[in-house]
Amino acid sequence: MVKNLEDMQKLGKDNMDASMKSFGALSKSAQAIATEMADYSKKSFEDSSKTVEKLFGAKTFEKAIEIQTEFAKTAYEAFIAEATKIGELYADFAKEAFKPYESYIVKASPAK
């Protein structure tokens, strides 16, 4: 009976430790994602503002189209790069959040 109680206490402690490690990874990853998104938003706003200034200074319609086309191209490329980076951050987040539970999964897996 005492052995079972000790096993239950150890299991509870192990679960709490795994949960705390997972929460730490969640917090760290969420902060990294939020920082990355804020940086991207700031840069995007700055680039848009610069483009508007260039458009106001355009002397011809053709020059305005050229400025807008270049902006659209660079904005699209920046978006794709940022989406890739954010996707990688989410993948890393998932790996880190579930890392503390890997030992439980291994224990629960059927032996081959």
PDB file of N, CA and C in Angstrom:
ATOM      1  N   MET A   1       0.827  -1.192   0.000  1.00  0.00           N
ATOM      2  CA  MET A   1       0.000   0.000   0.000  1.00  0.00           C
ATOM      3  C   MET A   1       0.873   1.258   0.000  1.00  0.00           C
ATOM      4  N   VAL A   2       1.908   1.285   0.839  1.00  0.00           N
ATOM      5  CA  VAL A   2       2.797   2.430   0.913  1.00  0.00           C
ATOM      6  C   VAL A   2       3.540   2.603  -0.417  1.00  0.00           C
ATOM      7  N   LYS A   3       3.948   1.494  -1.007  1.00  0.00           N
ATOM      8  CA  LYS A   3       4.649   1.537  -2.298  1.00  0.00           C
ATOM      9  C   LYS A   3       3.756   2.162  -3.371  1.00  0.00           C
ATOM     10  N   ASN A   4       2.483   1.792  -3.407  1.00  0.00           N
ATOM     11  CA  ASN A   4       1.555   2.360  -4.382  1.00  0.00           C
ATOM     12  C   ASN A   4       1.373   3.859  -4.166  1.00  0.00           C
ATOM     13  N   LEU A   5       1.310   4.269  -2.910  1.00  0.00           N
ATOM     14  CA  LEU A   5       1.165   5.684  -2.584  1.00  0.00           C
ATOM     15  C   LEU A   5       2.404   6.456  -3.044  1.00  0.00           C
ATOM     16  N   GLU A   6       3.573   5.890  -2.797  1.00  0.00           N
ATOM     17  CA  GLU A   6       4.814   6.533  -3.234  1.00  0.00           C
ATOM     18  C   GLU A   6       4.876   6.621  -4.759  1.00  0.00           C
ATOM     19  N   ASP A   7       4.427   5.573  -5.422  1.00  0.00           N
ATOM     20  CA  ASP A   7       4.402   5.591  -6.893  1.00  0.00           C
ATOM     21  C   ASP A   7       3.462   6.676  -7.402  1.00  0.00           C
ATOM     22  N   MET A   8       2.313   6.814  -6.774  1.00  0.00           N
ATOM     23  CA  MET A   8       1.344   7.832  -7.177  1.00  0.00           C
ATOM     24  C   MET A   8       1.907   9.242  -6.948  1.00  0.00           C
ATOM     25  N   GLN A   9       2.597   9.425  -5.808  1.00  0.00           N
ATOM     26  CA  GLN A   9       3.188  10.726  -5.521  1.00  0.00           C
ATOM     27  C   GLN A   9       4.286  11.061  -6.537  1.00  0.00           C
ATOM     28  N   LYS A  10       5.101  10.068  -6.859  1.00  0.00           N
ATOM     29  CA  LYS A  10       6.158  10.273  -7.841  1.00  0.00           C
ATOM     30  C   LYS A  10       5.565  10.592  -9.213  1.00  0.00           C
ATOM     31  N   LEU A  11       4.532   9.887  -9.592  1.00  0.00           N
ATOM     32  CA  LEU A  11       3.869  10.132 -10.871  1.00  0.00           C
ATOM     33  C   LEU A  11       3.286  11.550 -10.897  1.00  0.00           C
ATOM     34  N   GLY A  12       2.673  11.950  -9.804  1.00  0.00           N
ATOM     35  CA  GLY A  12       2.120  13.305  -9.717  1.00  0.00           C
ATOM     36  C   GLY A  12       3.202  14.362  -9.833  1.00  0.00           C
ATOM     37  N   LYS A  13       4.321  14.136  -9.146  1.00  0.00           N
ATOM     38  CA  LYS A  13       5.441  15.075  -9.216  1.00  0.00           C
ATOM     39  C   LYS A  13       6.017  15.111 -10.621  1.00  0.00           C
ATOM     40  N   ASP A  14       6.191  13.952 -11.242  1.00  0.00           N
ATOM     41  CA  ASP A  14       6.719  13.889 -12.609  1.00  0.00           C
ATOM     42  C   ASP A  14       5.799  14.612 -13.588  1.00  0.00           C
ATOM     43  N   ASN A  15       4.500  14.423 -13.422  1.00  0.00           N
ATOM     44  CA  ASN A  15       3.535  15.115 -14.290  1.00  0.00           C
ATOM     45  C   ASN A  15       3.593  16.626 -14.090  1.00  0.00           C
ATOM     46  N   MET A  16       3.721  17.051 -12.859  1.00  0.00           N
ATOM     47  CA  MET A  16       3.814  18.480 -12.577  1.00  0.00           C
ATOM     48  C   MET A  16       5.094  19.062 -13.178  1.00  0.00           C
ATOM     49  N   ASP A  17       6.199  18.360 -13.034  1.00  0.00           N
ATOM     50  CA  ASP A  17       7.462  18.828 -13.619  1.00  0.00           C
ATOM     51  C   ASP A  17       7.362  18.930 -15.140  1.00  0.00           C
ATOM     52  N   ALA A  18       6.783  17.928 -15.769  1.00  0.00           N
ATOM     53  CA  ALA A  18       6.620  17.941 -17.222  1.00  0.00           C
ATOM     54  C   ALA A  18       5.716  19.097 -17.645  1.00  0.00           C
ATOM     55  N   SER A  19       4.665  19.321 -16.898  1.00  0.00           N
ATOM     56  CA  SER A  19       3.745  20.415 -17.223  1.00  0.00           C
ATOM     57  C   SER A  19       4.422  21.775 -17.085  1.00  0.00           C
ATOM     58  N   MET A  20       5.223  21.941 -16.052  1.00  0.00           N
ATOM     59  CA  MET A  20       5.923  23.209 -15.850  1.00  0.00           C
ATOM     60  C   MET A  20       6.952  23.448 -16.959  1.00  0.00           C
ATOM     61  N   LYS A  21       7.664  22.404 -17.372  1.00  0.00           N
ATOM     62  CA  LYS A  21       8.620  22.542 -18.473  1.00  0.00           C
ATOM     63  C   LYS A  21       7.883  22.889 -19.761  1.00  0.00           C
ATOM     64  N   SER A  22       6.771  22.250 -19.985  1.00  0.00           N
ATOM     65  CA  SER A  22       5.973  22.520 -21.180  1.00  0.00           C
ATOM     66  C   SER A  22       5.447  23.959 -21.157  1.00  0.00           C
ATOM     67  N   PHE A  23       4.995  24.415 -20.002  1.00  0.00           N
ATOM     68  CA  PHE A  23       4.507  25.786 -19.876  1.00  0.00           C
ATOM     69  C   PHE A  23       5.630  26.788 -20.119  1.00  0.00           C
ATOM     70  N   GLY A  24       6.832  26.466 -19.631  1.00  0.00           N
ATOM     71  CA  GLY A  24       7.985  27.334 -19.872  1.00  0.00           C
ATOM     72  C   GLY A  24       8.292  27.450 -21.356  1.00  0.00           C
ATOM     73  N   ALA A  25       8.227  26.325 -22.061  1.00  0.00           N
ATOM     74  CA  ALA A  25       8.452  26.337 -23.503  1.00  0.00           C
ATOM     75  C   ALA A  25       7.357  27.133 -24.210  1.00  0.00           C
ATOM     76  N   LEU A  26       6.128  26.975 -23.756  1.00  0.00           N
ATOM     77  CA  LEU A  26       5.004  27.720 -24.324  1.00  0.00           C
ATOM     78  C   LEU A  26       5.224  29.215 -24.165  1.00  0.00           C
ATOM     79  N   SER A  27       5.595  29.629 -22.976  1.00  0.00           N
ATOM     80  CA  SER A  27       5.807  31.044 -22.696  1.00  0.00           C
ATOM     81  C   SER A  27       6.939  31.614 -23.554  1.00  0.00           C
ATOM     82  N   LYS A  28       8.041  30.906 -23.604  1.00  0.00           N
ATOM     83  CA  LYS A  28       9.204  31.347 -24.377  1.00  0.00           C
ATOM     84  C   LYS A  28       8.868  31.431 -25.865  1.00  0.00           C
ATOM     85  N   SER A  29       8.207  30.415 -26.387  1.00  0.00           N
ATOM     86  CA  SER A  29       7.861  30.387 -27.810  1.00  0.00           C
ATOM     87  C   SER A  29       6.837  31.456 -28.162  1.00  0.00           C
ATOM     88  N   ALA A  30       5.845  31.635 -27.309  1.00  0.00           N
ATOM     89  CA  ALA A  30       4.825  32.660 -27.561  1.00  0.00           C
ATOM     90  C   ALA A  30       5.460  34.044 -27.594  1.00  0.00           C
ATOM     91  N   GLN A  31       6.409  34.270 -26.717  1.00  0.00           N
ATOM     92  CA  GLN A  31       7.092  35.560 -26.692  1.00  0.00           C
ATOM     93  C   GLN A  31       7.914  35.754 -27.970  1.00  0.00           C
ATOM     94  N   ALA A  32       8.595  34.715 -28.429  1.00  0.00           N
ATOM     95  CA  ALA A  32       9.387  34.808 -29.654  1.00  0.00           C
ATOM     96  C   ALA A  32       8.488  35.082 -30.860  1.00  0.00           C
ATOM     97  N   ILE A  33       7.347  34.411 -30.920  1.00  0.00           N
ATOM     98  CA  ILE A  33       6.408  34.609 -32.027  1.00  0.00           C
ATOM     99  C   ILE A  33       5.836  36.030 -31.993  1.00  0.00           C
ATOM    100  N   ALA A  34       5.457  36.494 -30.825  1.00  0.00           N
ATOM    101  CA  ALA A  34       4.901  37.846 -30.695  1.00  0.00           C
ATOM    102  C   ALA A  34       5.937  38.903 -31.080  1.00  0.00           C
ATOM    103  N   THR A  35       7.168  38.714 -30.663  1.00  0.00           N
ATOM    104  CA  THR A  35       8.236  39.652 -31.005  1.00  0.00           C
ATOM    105  C   THR A  35       8.466  39.670 -32.512  1.00  0.00           C
ATOM    106  N   GLU A  36       8.506  38.499 -33.104  1.00  0.00           N
ATOM    107  CA  GLU A  36       8.718  38.395 -34.552  1.00  0.00           C
ATOM    108  C   GLU A  36       7.588  39.080 -35.310  1.00  0.00           C
ATOM    109  N   MET A  37       6.354  38.861 -34.884  1.00  0.00           N
ATOM    110  CA  MET A  37       5.211  39.484 -35.551  1.00  0.00           C
ATOM    111  C   MET A  37       5.234  41.003 -35.385  1.00  0.00           C
ATOM    112  N   ALA A  38       5.604  41.479 -34.213  1.00  0.00           N
ATOM    113  CA  ALA A  38       5.682  42.926 -33.982  1.00  0.00           C
ATOM    114  C   ALA A  38       6.765  43.550 -34.861  1.00  0.00           C
ATOM    115  N   ASP A  39       7.910  42.892 -34.960  1.00  0.00           N
ATOM    116  CA  ASP A  39       8.989  43.400 -35.805  1.00  0.00           C
ATOM    117  C   ASP A  39       8.569  43.445 -37.271  1.00  0.00           C
ATOM    118  N   TYR A  40       7.907  42.387 -37.716  1.00  0.00           N
ATOM    119  CA  TYR A  40       7.442  42.340 -39.109  1.00  0.00           C
ATOM    120  C   TYR A  40       6.403  43.438 -39.362  1.00  0.00           C
ATOM    121  N   SER A  41       5.480  43.620 -38.448  1.00  0.00           N
ATOM    122  CA  SER A  41       4.446  44.641 -38.611  1.00  0.00           C
ATOM    123  C   SER A  41       5.069  46.034 -38.680  1.00  0.00           C
ATOM    124  N   LYS A  42       6.036  46.286 -37.825  1.00  0.00           N
ATOM    125  CA  LYS A  42       6.710  47.589 -37.814  1.00  0.00           C
ATOM    126  C   LYS A  42       7.426  47.826 -39.140  1.00  0.00           C
ATOM    127  N   LYS A  43       8.180  46.828 -39.599  1.00  0.00           N
ATOM    128  CA  LYS A  43       8.912  46.962 -40.866  1.00  0.00           C
ATOM    129  C   LYS A  43       7.945  47.134 -42.032  1.00  0.00           C
ATOM    130  N   SER A  44       6.865  46.390 -42.024  1.00  0.00           N
ATOM    131  CA  SER A  44       5.867  46.490 -43.086  1.00  0.00           C
ATOM    132  C   SER A  44       5.258  47.890 -43.124  1.00  0.00           C
ATOM    133  N   PHE A  45       4.943  48.434 -41.978  1.00  0.00           N
ATOM    134  CA  PHE A  45       4.384  49.785 -41.908  1.00  0.00           C
ATOM    135  C   PHE A  45       5.385  50.812 -42.420  1.00  0.00           C
ATOM    136  N   GLU A  46       6.648  50.670 -42.023  1.00  0.00           N
ATOM    137  CA  GLU A  46       7.687  51.597 -42.482  1.00  0.00           C
ATOM    138  C   GLU A  46       7.856  51.528 -43.997  1.00  0.00           C
ATOM    139  N   ASP A  47       7.876  50.315 -44.534  1.00  0.00           N
ATOM    140  CA  ASP A  47       8.015  50.153 -45.984  1.00  0.00           C
ATOM    141  C   ASP A  47       6.822  50.754 -46.714  1.00  0.00           C
ATOM    142  N   SER A  48       5.637  50.565 -46.180  1.00  0.00           N
ATOM    143  CA  SER A  48       4.432  51.140 -46.794  1.00  0.00           C
ATOM    144  C   SER A  48       4.481  52.664 -46.775  1.00  0.00           C
ATOM    145  N   SER A  49       4.931  53.222 -45.678  1.00  0.00           N
ATOM    146  CA  SER A  49       5.029  54.677 -45.553  1.00  0.00           C
ATOM    147  C   SER A  49       6.028  55.247 -46.562  1.00  0.00           C
ATOM    148  N   LYS A  50       7.155  54.566 -46.713  1.00  0.00           N
ATOM    149  CA  LYS A  50       8.162  55.011 -47.691  1.00  0.00           C
ATOM    150  C   LYS A  50       7.603  54.947 -49.105  1.00  0.00           C
ATOM    151  N   THR A  51       6.833  53.916 -49.386  1.00  0.00           N
ATOM    152  CA  THR A  51       6.238  53.778 -50.719  1.00  0.00           C
ATOM    153  C   THR A  51       5.240  54.893 -50.984  1.00  0.00           C
ATOM    154  N   VAL A  52       4.434  55.236 -50.000  1.00  0.00           N
ATOM    155  CA  VAL A  52       3.463  56.328 -50.168  1.00  0.00           C
ATOM    156  C   VAL A  52       4.202  57.641 -50.447  1.00  0.00           C
ATOM    157  N   GLU A  53       5.292  57.880 -49.731  1.00  0.00           N
ATOM    158  CA  GLU A  53       6.087  59.085 -49.974  1.00  0.00           C
ATOM    159  C   GLU A  53       6.623  59.104 -51.401  1.00  0.00           C
ATOM    160  N   LYS A  54       7.123  57.954 -51.864  1.00  0.00           N
ATOM    161  CA  LYS A  54       7.618  57.867 -53.237  1.00  0.00           C
ATOM    162  C   LYS A  54       6.502  58.106 -54.241  1.00  0.00           C
ATOM    163  N   LEU A  55       5.318  57.572 -53.957  1.00  0.00           N
ATOM    164  CA  LEU A  55       4.188  57.761 -54.873  1.00  0.00           C
ATOM    165  C   LEU A  55       3.789  59.235 -54.974  1.00  0.00           C
ATOM    166  N   PHE A  56       3.815  59.935 -53.849  1.00  0.00           N
ATOM    167  CA  PHE A  56       3.488  61.366 -53.880  1.00  0.00           C
ATOM    168  C   PHE A  56       4.514  62.152 -54.684  1.00  0.00           C
ATOM    169  N   GLY A  57       5.749  61.657 -54.735  1.00  0.00           N
ATOM    170  CA  GLY A  57       6.809  62.332 -55.475  1.00  0.00           C
ATOM    171  C   GLY A  57       6.901  61.913 -56.931  1.00  0.00           C
ATOM    172  N   ALA A  58       6.110  60.951 -57.343  1.00  0.00           N
ATOM    173  CA  ALA A  58       6.174  60.466 -58.728  1.00  0.00           C
ATOM    174  C   ALA A  58       5.665  61.554 -59.678  1.00  0.00           C
ATOM    175  N   LYS A  59       6.431  61.778 -60.747  1.00  0.00           N
ATOM    176  CA  LYS A  59       6.075  62.823 -61.706  1.00  0.00           C
ATOM    177  C   LYS A  59       5.166  62.313 -62.822  1.00  0.00           C
ATOM    178  N   THR A  60       5.238  61.000 -63.070  1.00  0.00           N
ATOM    179  CA  THR A  60       4.432  60.442 -64.157  1.00  0.00           C
ATOM    180  C   THR A  60       3.640  59.245 -63.652  1.00  0.00           C
ATOM    181  N   PHE A  61       2.611  58.925 -64.396  1.00  0.00           N
ATOM    182  CA  PHE A  61       1.801  57.771 -64.064  1.00  0.00           C
ATOM    183  C   PHE A  61       2.635  56.490 -64.155  1.00  0.00           C
ATOM    184  N   GLU A  62       3.486  56.415 -65.171  1.00  0.00           N
ATOM    185  CA  GLU A  62       4.334  55.231 -65.360  1.00  0.00           C
ATOM    186  C   GLU A  62       5.269  55.026 -64.162  1.00  0.00           C
ATOM    187  N   LYS A  63       5.814  56.118 -63.653  1.00  0.00           N
ATOM    188  CA  LYS A  63       6.704  56.038 -62.485  1.00  0.00           C
ATOM    189  C   LYS A  63       5.912  55.554 -61.266  1.00  0.00           C
ATOM    190  N   ALA A  64       4.691  56.015 -61.108  1.00  0.00           N
ATOM    191  CA  ALA A  64       3.847  55.577 -59.988  1.00  0.00           C
ATOM    192  C   ALA A  64       3.566  54.078 -60.091  1.00  0.00           C
ATOM    193  N   ILE A  65       3.288  53.602 -61.301  1.00  0.00           N
ATOM    194  CA  ILE A  65       3.053  52.169 -61.506  1.00  0.00           C
ATOM    195  C   ILE A  65       4.318  51.375 -61.190  1.00  0.00           C
ATOM    196  N   GLU A  66       5.456  51.895 -61.599  1.00  0.00           N
ATOM    197  CA  GLU A  66       6.737  51.229 -61.316  1.00  0.00           C
ATOM    198  C   GLU A  66       6.984  51.136 -59.802  1.00  0.00           C
ATOM    199  N   ILE A  67       6.731  52.226 -59.096  1.00  0.00           N
ATOM    200  CA  ILE A  67       6.913  52.245 -57.639  1.00  0.00           C
ATOM    201  C   ILE A  67       5.972  51.242 -56.978  1.00  0.00           C
ATOM    202  N   GLN A  68       4.718  51.245 -57.395  1.00  0.00           N
ATOM    203  CA  GLN A  68       3.724  50.343 -56.810  1.00  0.00           C
ATOM    204  C   GLN A  68       4.065  48.884 -57.113  1.00  0.00           C
ATOM    205  N   THR A  69       4.507  48.614 -58.326  1.00  0.00           N
ATOM    206  CA  THR A  69       4.872  47.243 -58.713  1.00  0.00           C
ATOM    207  C   THR A  69       6.044  46.741 -57.884  1.00  0.00           C
ATOM    208  N   GLU A  70       7.047  47.581 -57.719  1.00  0.00           N
ATOM    209  CA  GLU A  70       8.213  47.191 -56.916  1.00  0.00           C
ATOM    210  C   GLU A  70       7.810  46.949 -55.456  1.00  0.00           C
ATOM    211  N   PHE A  71       6.941  47.813 -54.948  1.00  0.00           N
ATOM    212  CA  PHE A  71       6.471  47.624 -53.574  1.00  0.00           C
ATOM    213  C   PHE A  71       5.714  46.305 -53.431  1.00  0.00           C
ATOM    214  N   ALA A  72       4.823  46.027 -54.362  1.00  0.00           N
ATOM    215  CA  ALA A  72       4.043  44.785 -54.294  1.00  0.00           C
ATOM    216  C   ALA A  72       4.958  43.570 -54.333  1.00  0.00           C
ATOM    217  N   LYS A  73       5.975  43.611 -55.174  1.00  0.00           N
ATOM    218  CA  LYS A  73       6.923  42.489 -55.283  1.00  0.00           C
ATOM    219  C   LYS A  73       7.683  42.289 -53.967  1.00  0.00           C
ATOM    220  N   THR A  74       8.245  43.357 -53.436  1.00  0.00           N
ATOM    221  CA  THR A  74       9.024  43.221 -52.204  1.00  0.00           C
ATOM    222  C   THR A  74       8.137  42.878 -51.009  1.00  0.00           C
ATOM    223  N   ALA A  75       6.922  43.424 -50.980  1.00  0.00           N
ATOM    224  CA  ALA A  75       6.006  43.102 -49.879  1.00  0.00           C
ATOM    225  C   ALA A  75       5.618  41.629 -49.919  1.00  0.00           C
ATOM    226  N   TYR A  76       5.375  41.111 -51.107  1.00  0.00           N
ATOM    227  CA  TYR A  76       5.027  39.689 -51.251  1.00  0.00           C
ATOM    228  C   TYR A  76       6.190  38.801 -50.809  1.00  0.00           C
ATOM    229  N   GLU A  77       7.397  39.127 -51.258  1.00  0.00           N
ATOM    230  CA  GLU A  77       8.578  38.343 -50.875  1.00  0.00           C
ATOM    231  C   GLU A  77       8.807  38.395 -49.365  1.00  0.00           C
ATOM    232  N   ALA A  78       8.636  39.569 -48.777  1.00  0.00           N
ATOM    233  CA  ALA A  78       8.801  39.705 -47.326  1.00  0.00           C
ATOM    234  C   ALA A  78       7.745  38.899 -46.581  1.00  0.00           C
ATOM    235  N   PHE A  79       6.519  38.914 -47.099  1.00  0.00           N
ATOM    236  CA  PHE A  79       5.449  38.150 -46.464  1.00  0.00           C
ATOM    237  C   PHE A  79       5.745  36.651 -46.502  1.00  0.00           C
ATOM    238  N   ILE A  80       6.178  36.155 -47.643  1.00  0.00           N
ATOM    239  CA  ILE A  80       6.495  34.725 -47.766  1.00  0.00           C
ATOM    240  C   ILE A  80       7.633  34.350 -46.816  1.00  0.00           C
ATOM    241  N   ALA A  81       8.656  35.177 -46.756  1.00  0.00           N
ATOM    242  CA  ALA A  81       9.779  34.910 -45.844  1.00  0.00           C
ATOM    243  C   ALA A  81       9.308  34.909 -44.391  1.00  0.00           C
ATOM    244  N   GLU A  82       8.470  35.862 -44.055  1.00  0.00           N
ATOM    245  CA  GLU A  82       7.969  35.952 -42.674  1.00  0.00           C
ATOM    246  C   GLU A  82       7.049  34.779 -42.340  1.00  0.00           C
ATOM    247  N   ALA A  83       6.201  34.398 -43.277  1.00  0.00           N
ATOM    248  CA  ALA A  83       5.309  33.256 -43.042  1.00  0.00           C
ATOM    249  C   ALA A  83       6.121  31.985 -42.822  1.00  0.00           C
ATOM    250  N   THR A  84       7.187  31.826 -43.576  1.00  0.00           N
ATOM    251  CA  THR A  84       8.069  30.664 -43.393  1.00  0.00           C
ATOM    252  C   THR A  84       8.713  30.693 -42.014  1.00  0.00           C
ATOM    253  N   LYS A  85       9.198  31.869 -41.628  1.00  0.00           N
ATOM    254  CA  LYS A  85       9.849  32.009 -40.322  1.00  0.00           C
ATOM    255  C   LYS A  85       8.873  31.729 -39.178  1.00  0.00           C
ATOM    256  N   ILE A  86       7.654  32.259 -39.286  1.00  0.00           N
ATOM    257  CA  ILE A  86       6.644  32.038 -38.255  1.00  0.00           C
ATOM    258  C   ILE A  86       6.256  30.561 -38.203  1.00  0.00           C
ATOM    259  N   GLY A  87       6.133  29.933 -39.359  1.00  0.00           N
ATOM    260  CA  GLY A  87       5.842  28.500 -39.400  1.00  0.00           C
ATOM    261  C   GLY A  87       6.905  27.687 -38.687  1.00  0.00           C
ATOM    262  N   GLU A  88       8.172  28.054 -38.904  1.00  0.00           N
ATOM    263  CA  GLU A  88       9.267  27.367 -38.213  1.00  0.00           C
ATOM    264  C   GLU A  88       9.203  27.598 -36.711  1.00  0.00           C
ATOM    265  N   LEU A  89       8.853  28.821 -36.303  1.00  0.00           N
ATOM    266  CA  LEU A  89       8.729  29.101 -34.870  1.00  0.00           C
ATOM    267  C   LEU A  89       7.606  28.274 -34.242  1.00  0.00           C
ATOM    268  N   TYR A  90       6.484  28.124 -34.951  1.00  0.00           N
ATOM    269  CA  TYR A  90       5.387  27.295 -34.433  1.00  0.00           C
ATOM    270  C   TYR A  90       5.792  25.826 -34.369  1.00  0.00           C
ATOM    271  N   ALA A  91       6.538  25.351 -35.361  1.00  0.00           N
ATOM    272  CA  ALA A  91       7.004  23.959 -35.334  1.00  0.00           C
ATOM    273  C   ALA A  91       7.947  23.736 -34.160  1.00  0.00           C
ATOM    274  N   ASP A  92       8.869  24.675 -33.955  1.00  0.00           N
ATOM    275  CA  ASP A  92       9.777  24.576 -32.803  1.00  0.00           C
ATOM    276  C   ASP A  92       9.004  24.633 -31.495  1.00  0.00           C
ATOM    277  N   PHE A  93       7.980  25.474 -31.462  1.00  0.00           N
ATOM    278  CA  PHE A  93       7.139  25.580 -30.273  1.00  0.00           C
ATOM    279  C   PHE A  93       6.497  24.237 -29.947  1.00  0.00           C
ATOM    280  N   ALA A  94       5.948  23.584 -30.955  1.00  0.00           N
ATOM    281  CA  ALA A  94       5.290  22.294 -30.726  1.00  0.00           C
ATOM    282  C   ALA A  94       6.289  21.259 -30.225  1.00  0.00           C
ATOM    283  N   LYS A  95       7.457  21.235 -30.826  1.00  0.00           N
ATOM    284  CA  LYS A  95       8.491  20.281 -30.400  1.00  0.00           C
ATOM    285  C   LYS A  95       8.885  20.514 -28.945  1.00  0.00           C
ATOM    286  N   GLU A  96       9.117  21.774 -28.601  1.00  0.00           N
ATOM    287  CA  GLU A  96       9.548  22.095 -27.240  1.00  0.00           C
ATOM    288  C   GLU A  96       8.436  21.871 -26.215  1.00  0.00           C
ATOM    289  N   ALA A  97       7.210  22.164 -26.592  1.00  0.00           N
ATOM    290  CA  ALA A  97       6.094  22.010 -25.654  1.00  0.00           C
ATOM    291  C   ALA A  97       5.840  20.547 -25.315  1.00  0.00           C
ATOM    292  N   PHE A  98       6.067  19.648 -26.282  1.00  0.00           N
ATOM    293  CA  PHE A  98       5.788  18.233 -26.043  1.00  0.00           C
ATOM    294  C   PHE A  98       7.024  17.431 -25.647  1.00  0.00           C
ATOM    295  N   LYS A  99       8.195  18.060 -25.681  1.00  0.00           N
ATOM    296  CA  LYS A  99       9.428  17.361 -25.317  1.00  0.00           C
ATOM    297  C   LYS A  99       9.372  16.758 -23.899  1.00  0.00           C
ATOM    298  N   PRO A 100       8.839  17.472 -22.900  1.00  0.00           N
ATOM    299  CA  PRO A 100       8.779  16.894 -21.554  1.00  0.00           C
ATOM    300  C   PRO A 100       7.914  15.631 -21.466  1.00  0.00           C
ATOM    301  N   TYR A 101       7.019  15.446 -22.413  1.00  0.00           N
ATOM    302  CA  TYR A 101       6.111  14.300 -22.378  1.00  0.00           C
ATOM    303  C   TYR A 101       6.608  13.113 -23.211  1.00  0.00           C
ATOM    304  N   GLU A 102       7.748  13.265 -23.874  1.00  0.00           N
ATOM    305  CA  GLU A 102       8.257  12.193 -24.729  1.00  0.00           C
ATOM    306  C   GLU A 102       8.479  10.896 -23.958  1.00  0.00           C
ATOM    307  N   SER A 103       8.968  11.008 -22.736  1.00  0.00           N
ATOM    308  CA  SER A 103       9.243   9.790 -21.958  1.00  0.00           C
ATOM    309  C   SER A 103       7.951   9.034 -21.662  1.00  0.00           C
ATOM    310  N   TYR A 104       6.841   9.761 -21.491  1.00  0.00           N
ATOM    311  CA  TYR A 104       5.557   9.101 -21.252  1.00  0.00           C
ATOM    312  C   TYR A 104       5.096   8.360 -22.503  1.00  0.00           C
ATOM    313  N   ILE A 105       5.328   8.975 -23.636  1.00  0.00           N
ATOM    314  CA  ILE A 105       4.920   8.346 -24.903  1.00  0.00           C
ATOM    315  C   ILE A 105       5.725   7.073 -25.144  1.00  0.00           C
ATOM    316  N   VAL A 106       7.021   7.140 -24.856  1.00  0.00           N
ATOM    317  CA  VAL A 106       7.865   5.966 -25.024  1.00  0.00           C
ATOM    318  C   VAL A 106       7.419   4.847 -24.082  1.00  0.00           C
ATOM    319  N   LYS A 107       7.092   5.203 -22.851  1.00  0.00           N
ATOM    320  CA  LYS A 107       6.645   4.191 -21.882  1.00  0.00           C
ATOM    321  C   LYS A 107       5.309   3.570 -22.290  1.00  0.00           C
ATOM    322  N   ALA A 108       4.454   4.366 -22.884  1.00  0.00           N
ATOM    323  CA  ALA A 108       3.127   3.883 -23.260  1.00  0.00           C
ATOM    324  C   ALA A 108       3.119   3.111 -24.565  1.00  0.00           C
ATOM    325  N   SER A 109       4.191   3.261 -25.359  1.00  0.00           N
ATOM    326  CA  SER A 109       4.258   2.557 -26.651  1.00  0.00           C
ATOM    327  C   SER A 109       4.409   1.060 -26.425  1.00  0.00           C
ATOM    328  N   PRO A 110       3.741   0.257 -27.237  1.00  0.00           N
ATOM    329  CA  PRO A 110       3.885  -1.185 -27.104  1.00  0.00           C
ATOM    330  C   PRO A 110       5.296  -1.620 -27.518  1.00  0.00           C
ATOM    331  N   ALA A 111       5.837  -2.556 -26.798  1.00  0.00           N
ATOM    332  CA  ALA A 111       7.176  -3.073 -27.095  1.00  0.00           C
ATOM    333  C   ALA A 111       7.128  -3.895 -28.372  1.00  0.00           C
ATOM    334  N   LYS A 112       8.201  -3.782 -29.160  1.00  0.00           N
ATOM    335  CA  LYS A 112       8.265  -4.533 -30.414  1.00  0.00           C
ATOM    336  C   LYS A 112       9.121  -5.750 -30.263  1.00  0.00           C
TER     337      LYS A 112
END
